[in-house]
N, C-alpha and C. Protein backbone atom coordinates (compact mmCIF):
# COMPACT_ATOMS: atom_id res chain seq x y z
N MET A 1 37.56 -19.45 -0.66
CA MET A 1 38.77 -19.13 0.17
C MET A 1 38.67 -19.91 1.45
N ASP A 2 39.79 -20.40 1.86
CA ASP A 2 39.84 -21.16 3.15
C ASP A 2 40.01 -20.13 4.29
N PRO A 3 38.98 -20.10 5.17
CA PRO A 3 39.00 -19.10 6.30
C PRO A 3 40.11 -19.34 7.30
N GLU A 4 40.70 -20.54 7.20
CA GLU A 4 41.77 -20.89 8.20
C GLU A 4 43.08 -20.42 7.67
N ALA A 5 43.18 -20.21 6.32
CA ALA A 5 44.50 -19.79 5.69
C ALA A 5 44.64 -18.38 5.80
N PRO A 6 45.89 -17.86 5.91
CA PRO A 6 46.14 -16.39 5.89
C PRO A 6 45.89 -15.75 4.50
N HIS A 7 45.30 -14.64 4.44
CA HIS A 7 45.09 -13.99 3.17
C HIS A 7 45.51 -12.43 3.40
N ASN A 8 46.30 -11.99 2.48
CA ASN A 8 46.71 -10.54 2.52
C ASN A 8 46.35 -9.89 1.18
N ILE A 9 46.03 -8.62 1.31
CA ILE A 9 45.71 -7.78 0.06
C ILE A 9 46.79 -6.65 0.01
N ASP A 10 47.38 -6.58 -1.15
CA ASP A 10 48.33 -5.47 -1.34
C ASP A 10 47.71 -4.38 -2.18
N PHE A 11 47.83 -3.14 -1.69
CA PHE A 11 47.31 -1.90 -2.40
C PHE A 11 48.59 -1.09 -2.78
N ARG A 12 48.59 -0.62 -4.05
CA ARG A 12 49.60 0.29 -4.48
C ARG A 12 49.05 1.42 -5.22
N PHE A 13 49.20 2.57 -4.79
CA PHE A 13 48.71 3.73 -5.48
C PHE A 13 49.84 4.65 -5.85
N ARG A 14 49.74 5.16 -7.16
CA ARG A 14 50.77 6.06 -7.58
C ARG A 14 50.18 7.21 -8.24
N LEU A 15 50.67 8.41 -7.91
CA LEU A 15 50.20 9.66 -8.41
C LEU A 15 50.62 9.90 -9.91
N ASP A 16 49.64 10.08 -10.73
CA ASP A 16 49.95 10.42 -12.17
C ASP A 16 50.09 11.97 -12.19
N MET A 17 51.28 12.45 -12.28
CA MET A 17 51.51 13.90 -12.23
C MET A 17 50.90 14.63 -13.39
N SER A 18 50.66 13.85 -14.47
CA SER A 18 50.07 14.59 -15.64
C SER A 18 48.51 14.86 -15.48
N GLN A 19 47.97 14.24 -14.47
CA GLN A 19 46.57 14.49 -14.12
C GLN A 19 46.35 15.69 -13.18
N LEU A 20 47.48 16.21 -12.64
CA LEU A 20 47.34 17.30 -11.66
C LEU A 20 47.00 18.65 -12.42
N PRO A 21 46.40 19.58 -11.79
CA PRO A 21 46.23 20.93 -12.43
C PRO A 21 47.56 21.56 -12.80
N ARG A 22 47.56 22.35 -13.88
CA ARG A 22 48.78 22.87 -14.46
C ARG A 22 49.75 23.56 -13.39
N PRO A 23 49.36 24.35 -12.38
CA PRO A 23 50.25 24.97 -11.46
C PRO A 23 50.98 23.84 -10.63
N PHE A 24 50.49 22.72 -10.44
CA PHE A 24 51.13 21.73 -9.62
C PHE A 24 52.10 20.86 -10.45
N GLN A 25 52.00 20.95 -11.82
CA GLN A 25 52.83 20.21 -12.73
C GLN A 25 54.24 20.94 -12.98
N ILE A 26 54.20 22.29 -12.75
CA ILE A 26 55.39 23.03 -13.07
C ILE A 26 56.68 22.61 -12.33
N GLY A 27 56.54 22.25 -10.96
CA GLY A 27 57.63 21.96 -10.21
C GLY A 27 58.15 20.45 -10.48
N ALA A 28 57.30 19.75 -11.13
CA ALA A 28 57.60 18.30 -11.37
C ALA A 28 58.21 17.97 -12.73
N VAL A 29 58.12 19.01 -13.58
CA VAL A 29 58.64 18.76 -14.95
C VAL A 29 60.10 18.57 -14.95
N GLY A 30 60.64 17.47 -15.59
CA GLY A 30 62.00 17.25 -15.63
C GLY A 30 62.55 16.53 -14.40
N GLN A 31 61.67 16.06 -13.44
CA GLN A 31 62.04 15.47 -12.19
C GLN A 31 61.63 13.99 -12.34
N ALA A 32 62.21 13.30 -13.24
CA ALA A 32 61.85 11.90 -13.55
C ALA A 32 62.02 10.98 -12.32
N GLU A 33 62.93 11.35 -11.38
CA GLU A 33 63.15 10.44 -10.30
C GLU A 33 62.07 10.60 -9.22
N TRP A 34 61.21 11.63 -9.39
CA TRP A 34 60.16 11.69 -8.43
C TRP A 34 58.96 10.76 -8.62
N ILE A 35 58.80 9.93 -7.65
CA ILE A 35 57.58 8.97 -7.75
C ILE A 35 56.89 9.10 -6.46
N ILE A 36 55.67 9.52 -6.50
CA ILE A 36 54.85 9.60 -5.26
C ILE A 36 53.99 8.26 -5.30
N LEU A 37 54.26 7.45 -4.24
CA LEU A 37 53.63 6.21 -4.14
C LEU A 37 53.23 5.82 -2.76
N ALA A 38 52.08 5.17 -2.59
CA ALA A 38 51.64 4.74 -1.21
C ALA A 38 51.37 3.25 -1.38
N VAL A 39 51.95 2.45 -0.49
CA VAL A 39 51.78 0.98 -0.48
C VAL A 39 51.25 0.59 0.87
N ARG A 40 50.24 -0.33 0.81
CA ARG A 40 49.67 -0.84 2.12
C ARG A 40 49.37 -2.22 1.90
N THR A 41 49.66 -3.05 2.94
CA THR A 41 49.33 -4.53 2.98
C THR A 41 48.31 -4.67 4.16
N GLN A 42 47.17 -5.24 3.93
CA GLN A 42 46.14 -5.55 4.87
C GLN A 42 45.85 -7.11 4.92
N ARG A 43 45.77 -7.58 6.15
CA ARG A 43 45.43 -8.97 6.24
C ARG A 43 43.94 -9.13 6.40
N LEU A 44 43.41 -10.10 5.65
CA LEU A 44 41.93 -10.35 5.65
C LEU A 44 41.62 -11.12 6.85
N VAL A 45 40.59 -10.82 7.64
CA VAL A 45 40.13 -11.59 8.76
C VAL A 45 38.67 -11.93 8.50
N PHE A 46 38.30 -13.18 8.67
CA PHE A 46 36.98 -13.56 8.35
C PHE A 46 36.18 -13.49 9.82
N ASP A 47 35.08 -12.73 9.74
CA ASP A 47 34.27 -12.56 11.02
C ASP A 47 33.59 -13.78 11.37
N ASN A 48 32.98 -14.51 10.34
CA ASN A 48 32.14 -15.62 10.68
C ASN A 48 32.52 -16.86 9.81
N PRO A 49 33.64 -17.51 10.15
CA PRO A 49 33.99 -18.66 9.23
C PRO A 49 33.00 -19.78 9.30
N ARG A 50 32.91 -20.42 8.18
CA ARG A 50 31.83 -21.53 8.00
C ARG A 50 32.50 -22.86 7.73
């Protein structure tokens, strides 16, 4: 990787409702429009470019 070029990392996390314990699934059944999602973009910075 070129240390002078900008580099970004994109993270996307989505909650799989089927993996939740049963009591937490009850309110989500039939709610197809519910999507719990976290998105983060982070710029990479090189500490010691060579």
